[in-house]
PDB file of N, CA and C in Angstrom:
ATOM      1  N   MET A   1      37.241 339.777 138.343  1.00  0.00           N
ATOM      2  CA  MET A   1      37.019 340.296 137.011  1.00  0.00           C
ATOM      3  C   MET A   1      36.402 341.682 137.142  1.00  0.00           C
ATOM      4  N   LYS A   2      36.810 342.581 136.281  1.00  0.00           N
ATOM      5  CA  LYS A   2      36.311 343.954 136.278  1.00  0.00           C
ATOM      6  C   LYS A   2      35.722 344.253 134.912  1.00  0.00           C
ATOM      7  N   ILE A   3      34.511 344.762 134.883  1.00  0.00           N
ATOM      8  CA  ILE A   3      33.875 345.202 133.644  1.00  0.00           C
ATOM      9  C   ILE A   3      33.900 346.719 133.637  1.00  0.00           C
ATOM     10  N   PHE A   4      34.464 347.294 132.573  1.00  0.00           N
ATOM     11  CA  PHE A   4      34.607 348.740 132.462  1.00  0.00           C
ATOM     12  C   PHE A   4      33.533 349.315 131.557  1.00  0.00           C
ATOM     13  N   SER A   5      32.981 350.442 131.959  1.00  0.00           N
ATOM     14  CA  SER A   5      32.059 351.173 131.085  1.00  0.00           C
ATOM     15  C   SER A   5      32.878 351.987 130.089  1.00  0.00           C
ATOM     16  N   ARG A   6      32.220 352.484 129.069  1.00  0.00           N
ATOM     17  CA  ARG A   6      32.921 353.313 128.084  1.00  0.00           C
ATOM     18  C   ARG A   6      33.526 354.541 128.754  1.00  0.00           C
ATOM     19  N   ALA A   7      32.766 355.177 129.637  1.00  0.00           N
ATOM     20  CA  ALA A   7      33.265 356.378 130.321  1.00  0.00           C
ATOM     21  C   ALA A   7      34.504 356.057 131.154  1.00  0.00           C
ATOM     22  N   GLU A   8      34.501 354.917 131.841  1.00  0.00           N
ATOM     23  CA  GLU A   8      35.667 354.520 132.638  1.00  0.00           C
ATOM     24  C   GLU A   8      36.887 354.283 131.749  1.00  0.00           C
ATOM     25  N   LEU A   9      36.670 353.649 130.600  1.00  0.00           N
ATOM     26  CA  LEU A   9      37.781 353.420 129.672  1.00  0.00           C
ATOM     27  C   LEU A   9      38.332 354.729 129.134  1.00  0.00           C
ATOM     28  N   GLU A  10      37.439 355.639 128.737  1.00  0.00           N
ATOM     29  CA  GLU A  10      37.891 356.924 128.202  1.00  0.00           C
ATOM     30  C   GLU A  10      38.674 357.710 129.247  1.00  0.00           C
ATOM     31  N   HIS A  11      38.284 357.580 130.504  1.00  0.00           N
ATOM     32  CA  HIS A  11      38.991 358.270 131.582  1.00  0.00           C
ATOM     33  C   HIS A  11      40.362 357.640 131.843  1.00  0.00           C
ATOM     34  N   ALA A  12      40.432 356.320 131.762  1.00  0.00           N
ATOM     35  CA  ALA A  12      41.661 355.604 132.125  1.00  0.00           C
ATOM     36  C   ALA A  12      42.690 355.538 130.998  1.00  0.00           C
ATOM     37  N   VAL A  13      42.237 355.513 129.762  1.00  0.00           N
ATOM     38  CA  VAL A  13      43.145 355.310 128.628  1.00  0.00           C
ATOM     39  C   VAL A  13      43.274 356.606 127.842  1.00  0.00           C
ATOM     40  N   LYS A  14      44.451 357.149 127.859  1.00  0.00           N
ATOM     41  CA  LYS A  14      44.735 358.394 127.132  1.00  0.00           C
ATOM     42  C   LYS A  14      45.674 358.078 125.975  1.00  0.00           C
ATOM     43  N   LEU A  15      45.433 358.701 124.844  1.00  0.00           N
ATOM     44  CA  LEU A  15      46.311 358.523 123.689  1.00  0.00           C
ATOM     45  C   LEU A  15      47.452 359.521 123.810  1.00  0.00           C
ATOM     46  N   ASP A  16      48.438 359.153 124.642  1.00  0.00           N
ATOM     47  CA  ASP A  16      49.597 360.010 124.884  1.00  0.00           C
ATOM     48  C   ASP A  16      50.846 359.320 124.337  1.00  0.00           C
ATOM     49  N   THR A  17      52.002 359.865 124.636  1.00  0.00           N
ATOM     50  CA  THR A  17      53.235 359.285 124.094  1.00  0.00           C
ATOM     51  C   THR A  17      53.482 357.870 124.618  1.00  0.00           C
ATOM     52  N   VAL A  18      53.056 357.587 125.835  1.00  0.00           N
ATOM     53  CA  VAL A  18      53.215 356.228 126.372  1.00  0.00           C
ATOM     54  C   VAL A  18      52.350 355.255 125.569  1.00  0.00           C
ATOM     55  N   ALA A  19      51.085 355.620 125.357  1.00  0.00           N
ATOM     56  CA  ALA A  19      50.185 354.752 124.589  1.00  0.00           C
ATOM     57  C   ALA A  19      50.683 354.578 123.160  1.00  0.00           C
ATOM     58  N   LEU A  20      51.155 355.653 122.554  1.00  0.00           N
ATOM     59  CA  LEU A  20      51.681 355.563 121.190  1.00  0.00           C
ATOM     60  C   LEU A  20      52.912 354.657 121.137  1.00  0.00           C
ATOM     61  N   GLY A  21      53.728 354.672 122.185  1.00  0.00           N
ATOM     62  CA  GLY A  21      54.883 353.778 122.252  1.00  0.00           C
ATOM     63  C   GLY A  21      54.471 352.319 122.319  1.00  0.00           C
ATOM     64  N   VAL A  22      53.427 352.038 123.082  1.00  0.00           N
ATOM     65  CA  VAL A  22      52.914 350.665 123.182  1.00  0.00           C
ATOM     66  C   VAL A  22      52.400 350.202 121.821  1.00  0.00           C
ATOM     67  N   ILE A  23      51.669 351.077 121.135  1.00  0.00           N
ATOM     68  CA  ILE A  23      51.155 350.743 119.800  1.00  0.00           C
ATOM     69  C   ILE A  23      52.319 350.484 118.845  1.00  0.00           C
ATOM     70  N   ARG A  24      53.315 351.352 118.890  1.00  0.00           N
ATOM     71  CA  ARG A  24      54.504 351.185 118.040  1.00  0.00           C
ATOM     72  C   ARG A  24      55.179 349.843 118.319  1.00  0.00           C
ATOM     73  N   ASN A  25      55.354 349.517 119.595  1.00  0.00           N
ATOM     74  CA  ASN A  25      56.000 348.252 119.961  1.00  0.00           C
ATOM     75  C   ASN A  25      55.224 347.047 119.434  1.00  0.00           C
ATOM     76  N   GLY A  26      53.899 347.163 119.422  1.00  0.00           N
ATOM     77  CA  GLY A  26      53.076 346.084 118.871  1.00  0.00           C
ATOM     78  C   GLY A  26      53.337 345.875 117.388  1.00  0.00           C
ATOM     79  N   PHE A  27      53.444 346.976 116.648  1.00  0.00           N
ATOM     80  CA  PHE A  27      53.728 346.859 115.215  1.00  0.00           C
ATOM     81  C   PHE A  27      55.148 346.347 114.961  1.00  0.00           C
ATOM     82  N   VAL A  28      56.091 346.738 115.805  1.00  0.00           N
ATOM     83  CA  VAL A  28      57.461 346.218 115.677  1.00  0.00           C
ATOM     84  C   VAL A  28      57.456 344.704 115.911  1.00  0.00           C
ATOM     85  N   ALA A  29      56.756 344.259 116.955  1.00  0.00           N
ATOM     86  CA  ALA A  29      56.668 342.818 117.237  1.00  0.00           C
ATOM     87  C   ALA A  29      56.037 342.078 116.062  1.00  0.00           C
ATOM     88  N   LEU A  30      55.023 342.669 115.457  1.00  0.00           N
ATOM     89  CA  LEU A  30      54.384 342.054 114.294  1.00  0.00           C
ATOM     90  C   LEU A  30      55.373 341.932 113.135  1.00  0.00           C
ATOM     91  N   ALA A  31      56.127 342.997 112.883  1.00  0.00           N
ATOM     92  CA  ALA A  31      57.113 342.992 111.792  1.00  0.00           C
ATOM     93  C   ALA A  31      58.231 341.991 112.054  1.00  0.00           C
ATOM     94  N   GLU A  32      58.532 341.745 113.319  1.00  0.00           N
ATOM     95  CA  GLU A  32      59.603 340.808 113.685  1.00  0.00           C
ATOM     96  C   GLU A  32      59.096 339.380 113.874  1.00  0.00           C
ATOM     97  N   ASP A  33      57.850 339.125 113.496  1.00  0.00           N
ATOM     98  CA  ASP A  33      57.258 337.780 113.593  1.00  0.00           C
ATOM     99  C   ASP A  33      57.177 337.258 115.019  1.00  0.00           C
ATOM    100  N   ARG A  34      56.968 338.141 115.992  1.00  0.00           N
ATOM    101  CA  ARG A  34      56.838 337.719 117.388  1.00  0.00           C
ATOM    102  C   ARG A  34      55.382 337.696 117.837  1.00  0.00           C
ATOM    103  N   VAL A  35      54.463 337.819 116.887  1.00  0.00           N
ATOM    104  CA  VAL A  35      53.039 337.866 117.208  1.00  0.00           C
ATOM    105  C   VAL A  35      52.369 336.577 116.744  1.00  0.00           C
ATOM    106  N   VAL A  36      51.636 335.955 117.654  1.00  0.00           N
ATOM    107  CA  VAL A  36      50.798 334.813 117.303  1.00  0.00           C
ATOM    108  C   VAL A  36      49.406 335.385 117.054  1.00  0.00           C
ATOM    109  N   MET A  37      48.944 335.306 115.799  1.00  0.00           N
ATOM    110  CA  MET A  37      47.662 335.914 115.446  1.00  0.00           C
ATOM    111  C   MET A  37      46.943 335.002 114.449  1.00  0.00           C
ATOM    112  N   PRO A  38      46.093 334.105 114.963  1.00  0.00           N
ATOM    113  CA  PRO A  38      45.386 333.197 114.064  1.00  0.00           C
ATOM    114  C   PRO A  38      44.386 333.957 113.186  1.00  0.00           C
ATOM    115  N   PRO A  39      43.927 333.322 112.112  1.00  0.00           N
ATOM    116  CA  PRO A  39      42.925 333.971 111.259  1.00  0.00           C
ATOM    117  C   PRO A  39      41.666 334.314 112.047  1.00  0.00           C
ATOM    118  N   ILE A  40      40.958 335.316 111.571  1.00  0.00           N
ATOM    119  CA  ILE A  40      39.703 335.735 112.200  1.00  0.00           C
ATOM    120  C   ILE A  40      38.673 334.625 112.050  1.00  0.00           C
ATOM    121  N   LEU A  41      38.021 334.283 113.156  1.00  0.00           N
ATOM    122  CA  LEU A  41      36.899 333.358 113.111  1.00  0.00           C
ATOM    123  C   LEU A  41      35.660 334.197 112.827  1.00  0.00           C
ATOM    124  N   SER A  42      34.930 333.865 111.786  1.00  0.00           N
ATOM    125  CA  SER A  42      33.762 334.650 111.401  1.00  0.00           C
ATOM    126  C   SER A  42      32.558 333.732 111.251  1.00  0.00           C
ATOM    127  N   MET A  43      31.427 334.176 111.791  1.00  0.00           N
ATOM    128  CA  MET A  43      30.200 333.396 111.712  1.00  0.00           C
ATOM    129  C   MET A  43      29.062 334.303 111.258  1.00  0.00           C
ATOM    130  N   ASP A  44      28.351 333.889 110.214  1.00  0.00           N
ATOM    131  CA  ASP A  44      27.185 334.637 109.757  1.00  0.00           C
ATOM    132  C   ASP A  44      25.956 334.223 110.548  1.00  0.00           C
ATOM    133  N   VAL A  45      25.115 335.204 110.836  1.00  0.00           N
ATOM    134  CA  VAL A  45      23.791 334.970 111.406  1.00  0.00           C
ATOM    135  C   VAL A  45      22.822 335.555 110.381  1.00  0.00           C
ATOM    136  N   ALA A  46      22.734 334.877 109.239  1.00  0.00           N
ATOM    137  CA  ALA A  46      22.064 335.412 108.054  1.00  0.00           C
ATOM    138  C   ALA A  46      20.596 335.740 108.291  1.00  0.00           C
ATOM    139  N   GLU A  47      19.901 334.930 109.062  1.00  0.00           N
ATOM    140  CA  GLU A  47      18.466 335.160 109.243  1.00  0.00           C
ATOM    141  C   GLU A  47      18.172 336.492 109.931  1.00  0.00           C
ATOM    142  N   ASN A  48      19.181 337.067 110.602  1.00  0.00           N
ATOM    143  CA  ASN A  48      18.992 338.357 111.272  1.00  0.00           C
ATOM    144  C   ASN A  48      19.956 339.415 110.747  1.00  0.00           C
ATOM    145  N   ASN A  49      20.484 339.197 109.530  1.00  0.00           N
ATOM    146  CA  ASN A  49      21.418 340.126 108.894  1.00  0.00           C
ATOM    147  C   ASN A  49      22.563 340.478 109.844  1.00  0.00           C
ATOM    148  N   GLY A  50      23.127 339.431 110.437  1.00  0.00           N
ATOM    149  CA  GLY A  50      24.192 339.659 111.404  1.00  0.00           C
ATOM    150  C   GLY A  50      25.406 338.798 111.144  1.00  0.00           C
ATOM    151  N   GLU A  51      26.455 339.130 111.867  1.00  0.00           N
ATOM    152  CA  GLU A  51      27.692 338.363 111.824  1.00  0.00           C
ATOM    153  C   GLU A  51      28.421 338.560 113.143  1.00  0.00           C
ATOM    154  N   VAL A  52      29.294 337.624 113.445  1.00  0.00           N
ATOM    155  CA  VAL A  52      30.133 337.729 114.635  1.00  0.00           C
ATOM    156  C   VAL A  52      31.559 337.372 114.228  1.00  0.00           C
ATOM    157  N   ASP A  53      32.505 338.219 114.610  1.00  0.00           N
ATOM    158  CA  ASP A  53      33.919 337.954 114.374  1.00  0.00           C
ATOM    159  C   ASP A  53      34.623 337.794 115.718  1.00  0.00           C
ATOM    160  N   VAL A  54      35.539 336.837 115.785  1.00  0.00           N
ATOM    161  CA  VAL A  54      36.353 336.626 116.977  1.00  0.00           C
ATOM    162  C   VAL A  54      37.815 336.765 116.555  1.00  0.00           C
ATOM    163  N   LYS A  55      38.527 337.646 117.248  1.00  0.00           N
ATOM    164  CA  LYS A  55      39.936 337.912 116.927  1.00  0.00           C
ATOM    165  C   LYS A  55      40.764 337.747 118.193  1.00  0.00           C
ATOM    166  N   THR A  56      41.976 337.241 118.033  1.00  0.00           N
ATOM    167  CA  THR A  56      42.867 337.105 119.172  1.00  0.00           C
ATOM    168  C   THR A  56      44.313 337.252 118.720  1.00  0.00           C
ATOM    169  N   ALA A  57      45.158 337.630 119.640  1.00  0.00           N
ATOM    170  CA  ALA A  57      46.589 337.736 119.342  1.00  0.00           C
ATOM    171  C   ALA A  57      47.374 337.679 120.645  1.00  0.00           C
ATOM    172  N   TYR A  58      48.616 337.258 120.495  1.00  0.00           N
ATOM    173  CA  TYR A  58      49.534 337.172 121.628  1.00  0.00           C
ATOM    174  C   TYR A  58      50.901 337.608 121.142  1.00  0.00           C
ATOM    175  N   ILE A  59      51.555 338.464 121.903  1.00  0.00           N
ATOM    176  CA  ILE A  59      52.915 338.894 121.589  1.00  0.00           C
ATOM    177  C   ILE A  59      53.857 338.191 122.559  1.00  0.00           C
ATOM    178  N   GLU A  60      54.814 337.466 122.012  1.00  0.00           N
ATOM    179  CA  GLU A  60      55.771 336.753 122.851  1.00  0.00           C
ATOM    180  C   GLU A  60      56.406 337.700 123.857  1.00  0.00           C
ATOM    181  N   GLY A  61      56.431 337.273 125.124  1.00  0.00           N
ATOM    182  CA  GLY A  61      57.039 338.073 126.175  1.00  0.00           C
ATOM    183  C   GLY A  61      56.093 339.023 126.884  1.00  0.00           C
ATOM    184  N   VAL A  62      54.889 339.185 126.365  1.00  0.00           N
ATOM    185  CA  VAL A  62      53.902 340.063 127.008  1.00  0.00           C
ATOM    186  C   VAL A  62      53.081 339.209 127.968  1.00  0.00           C
ATOM    187  N   PRO A  63      52.835 339.680 129.193  1.00  0.00           N
ATOM    188  CA  PRO A  63      52.191 338.833 130.195  1.00  0.00           C
ATOM    189  C   PRO A  63      50.679 338.646 130.020  1.00  0.00           C
ATOM    190  N   GLN A  64      50.087 339.254 128.988  1.00  0.00           N
ATOM    191  CA  GLN A  64      48.664 339.069 128.736  1.00  0.00           C
ATOM    192  C   GLN A  64      48.433 338.826 127.245  1.00  0.00           C
ATOM    193  N   PHE A  65      47.250 338.278 126.949  1.00  0.00           N
ATOM    194  CA  PHE A  65      46.780 338.238 125.564  1.00  0.00           C
ATOM    195  C   PHE A  65      45.300 338.589 125.583  1.00  0.00           C
ATOM    196  N   ALA A  66      44.792 339.007 124.439  1.00  0.00           N
ATOM    197  CA  ALA A  66      43.414 339.480 124.365  1.00  0.00           C
ATOM    198  C   ALA A  66      42.613 338.665 123.362  1.00  0.00           C
ATOM    199  N   ILE A  67      41.317 338.605 123.624  1.00  0.00           N
ATOM    200  CA  ILE A  67      40.347 338.059 122.679  1.00  0.00           C
ATOM    201  C   ILE A  67      39.257 339.109 122.515  1.00  0.00           C
ATOM    202  N   LYS A  68      38.910 339.383 121.266  1.00  0.00           N
ATOM    203  CA  LYS A  68      37.868 340.364 120.954  1.00  0.00           C
ATOM    204  C   LYS A  68      36.730 339.647 120.239  1.00  0.00           C
ATOM    205  N   VAL A  69      35.512 339.852 120.725  1.00  0.00           N
ATOM    206  CA  VAL A  69      34.310 339.334 120.081  1.00  0.00           C
ATOM    207  C   VAL A  69      33.545 340.544 119.571  1.00  0.00           C
ATOM    208  N   SER A  70      33.254 340.547 118.273  1.00  0.00           N
ATOM    209  CA  SER A  70      32.668 341.733 117.656  1.00  0.00           C
ATOM    210  C   SER A  70      31.476 341.365 116.773  1.00  0.00           C
ATOM    211  N   PRO A  71      30.250 341.447 117.318  1.00  0.00           N
ATOM    212  CA  PRO A  71      29.080 341.174 116.491  1.00  0.00           C
ATOM    213  C   PRO A  71      28.614 342.429 115.748  1.00  0.00           C
ATOM    214  N   GLY A  72      28.040 342.205 114.596  1.00  0.00           N
ATOM    215  CA  GLY A  72      27.394 343.271 113.841  1.00  0.00           C
ATOM    216  C   GLY A  72      26.042 342.771 113.365  1.00  0.00           C
ATOM    217  N   PHE A  73      24.983 343.437 113.793  1.00  0.00           N
ATOM    218  CA  PHE A  73      23.627 343.093 113.371  1.00  0.00           C
ATOM    219  C   PHE A  73      23.059 344.332 112.698  1.00  0.00           C
ATOM    220  N   PHE A  74      23.036 344.279 111.355  1.00  0.00           N
ATOM    221  CA  PHE A  74      22.918 345.487 110.565  1.00  0.00           C
ATOM    222  C   PHE A  74      21.489 345.992 110.385  1.00  0.00           C
ATOM    223  N   ASP A  75      20.500 345.246 110.875  1.00  0.00           N
ATOM    224  CA  ASP A  75      19.124 345.741 110.891  1.00  0.00           C
ATOM    225  C   ASP A  75      18.770 346.362 112.239  1.00  0.00           C
ATOM    226  N   ASN A  76      19.679 346.327 113.191  1.00  0.00           N
ATOM    227  CA  ASN A  76      19.403 346.861 114.525  1.00  0.00           C
ATOM    228  C   ASN A  76      18.959 348.320 114.534  1.00  0.00           C
ATOM    229  N   PRO A  77      19.505 349.199 113.681  1.00  0.00           N
ATOM    230  CA  PRO A  77      19.044 350.591 113.712  1.00  0.00           C
ATOM    231  C   PRO A  77      17.533 350.729 113.495  1.00  0.00           C
ATOM    232  N   LYS A  78      16.928 349.801 112.757  1.00  0.00           N
ATOM    233  CA  LYS A  78      15.465 349.818 112.578  1.00  0.00           C
ATOM    234  C   LYS A  78      14.746 349.576 113.897  1.00  0.00           C
ATOM    235  N   LEU A  79      15.454 348.954 114.848  1.00  0.00           N
ATOM    236  CA  LEU A  79      14.890 348.663 116.170  1.00  0.00           C
ATOM    237  C   LEU A  79      15.333 349.682 117.216  1.00  0.00           C
ATOM    238  N   GLY A  80      16.047 350.710 116.758  1.00  0.00           N
ATOM    239  CA  GLY A  80      16.557 351.713 117.688  1.00  0.00           C
ATOM    240  C   GLY A  80      17.788 351.243 118.451  1.00  0.00           C
ATOM    241  N   LEU A  81      18.479 350.252 117.913  1.00  0.00           N
ATOM    242  CA  LEU A  81      19.655 349.682 118.573  1.00  0.00           C
ATOM    243  C   LEU A  81      20.896 349.911 117.716  1.00  0.00           C
ATOM    244  N   PRO A  82      22.072 349.948 118.332  1.00  0.00           N
ATOM    245  CA  PRO A  82      23.300 350.077 117.532  1.00  0.00           C
ATOM    246  C   PRO A  82      23.553 348.794 116.737  1.00  0.00           C
ATOM    247  N   SER A  83      24.160 348.938 115.577  1.00  0.00           N
ATOM    248  CA  SER A  83      24.433 347.761 114.749  1.00  0.00           C
ATOM    249  C   SER A  83      25.700 347.030 115.191  1.00  0.00           C
ATOM    250  N   LEU A  84      26.587 347.732 115.875  1.00  0.00           N
ATOM    251  CA  LEU A  84      27.847 347.124 116.310  1.00  0.00           C
ATOM    252  C   LEU A  84      27.912 347.037 117.822  1.00  0.00           C
ATOM    253  N   ASN A  85      28.619 346.045 118.299  1.00  0.00           N
ATOM    254  CA  ASN A  85      28.755 345.791 119.722  1.00  0.00           C
ATOM    255  C   ASN A  85      30.093 345.073 119.892  1.00  0.00           C
ATOM    256  N   GLY A  86      30.523 344.857 121.092  1.00  0.00           N
ATOM    257  CA  GLY A  86      31.770 344.125 121.231  1.00  0.00           C
ATOM    258  C   GLY A  86      32.157 343.860 122.664  1.00  0.00           C
ATOM    259  N   LEU A  87      33.152 343.005 122.783  1.00  0.00           N
ATOM    260  CA  LEU A  87      33.663 342.604 124.087  1.00  0.00           C
ATOM    261  C   LEU A  87      35.133 342.263 123.916  1.00  0.00           C
ATOM    262  N   MET A  88      35.958 342.764 124.806  1.00  0.00           N
ATOM    263  CA  MET A  88      37.374 342.388 124.818  1.00  0.00           C
ATOM    264  C   MET A  88      37.687 341.773 126.170  1.00  0.00           C
ATOM    265  N   ILE A  89      38.421 340.680 126.141  1.00  0.00           N
ATOM    266  CA  ILE A  89      38.800 339.984 127.367  1.00  0.00           C
ATOM    267  C   ILE A  89      40.319 339.894 127.399  1.00  0.00           C
ATOM    268  N   LEU A  90      40.901 340.260 128.525  1.00  0.00           N
ATOM    269  CA  LEU A  90      42.347 340.195 128.704  1.00  0.00           C
ATOM    270  C   LEU A  90      42.668 339.027 129.635  1.00  0.00           C
ATOM    271  N   PHE A  91      43.502 338.114 129.159  1.00  0.00           N
ATOM    272  CA  PHE A  91      43.884 336.921 129.909  1.00  0.00           C
ATOM    273  C   PHE A  91      45.363 336.969 130.267  1.00  0.00           C
ATOM    274  N   SER A  92      45.725 336.319 131.342  1.00  0.00           N
ATOM    275  CA  SER A  92      47.133 336.123 131.672  1.00  0.00           C
ATOM    276  C   SER A  92      47.727 335.126 130.686  1.00  0.00           C
ATOM    277  N   SER A  93      48.863 335.472 130.093  1.00  0.00           N
ATOM    278  CA  SER A  93      49.523 334.528 129.188  1.00  0.00           C
ATOM    279  C   SER A  93      50.340 333.490 129.966  1.00  0.00           C
ATOM    280  N   GLN A  94      50.382 333.631 131.288  1.00  0.00           N
ATOM    281  CA  GLN A  94      51.095 332.664 132.122  1.00  0.00           C
ATOM    282  C   GLN A  94      50.159 331.611 132.699  1.00  0.00           C
ATOM    283  N   THR A  95      48.910 332.021 133.032  1.00  0.00           N
ATOM    284  CA  THR A  95      47.974 331.097 133.676  1.00  0.00           C
ATOM    285  C   THR A  95      46.673 330.908 132.909  1.00  0.00           C
ATOM    286  N   GLY A  96      46.374 331.804 131.973  1.00  0.00           N
ATOM    287  CA  GLY A  96      45.109 331.749 131.258  1.00  0.00           C
ATOM    288  C   GLY A  96      43.952 332.352 132.029  1.00  0.00           C
ATOM    289  N   LEU A  97      44.220 332.881 133.224  1.00  0.00           N
ATOM    290  CA  LEU A  97      43.153 333.466 134.037  1.00  0.00           C
ATOM    291  C   LEU A  97      42.832 334.883 133.571  1.00  0.00           C
ATOM    292  N   ILE A  98      41.592 335.275 133.796  1.00  0.00           N
ATOM    293  CA  ILE A  98      41.156 336.635 133.477  1.00  0.00           C
ATOM    294  C   ILE A  98      41.707 337.576 134.524  1.00  0.00           C
TER     295      ILE A  98
END
């Protein structure tokens, strides 16, 4: 398993014509009903003015699928912390391994 820093991601992922093509293909797959995308799982953490959303999707024929966990704790700026955070995990759609 590899954990990437923001700087590593910015260096590795460029918004070029290849990336735009991948994004386009994703929207085409969605329009053609080839995307498995369950409803967003959402959980409130009311006592701390927070919430957590979990999103996932799979495109038929693509060898990976992703899960995104996205918490928002909206009083964090009062503590000098960011209010948003997140994690994305890429799994093999053939074996389920990371």
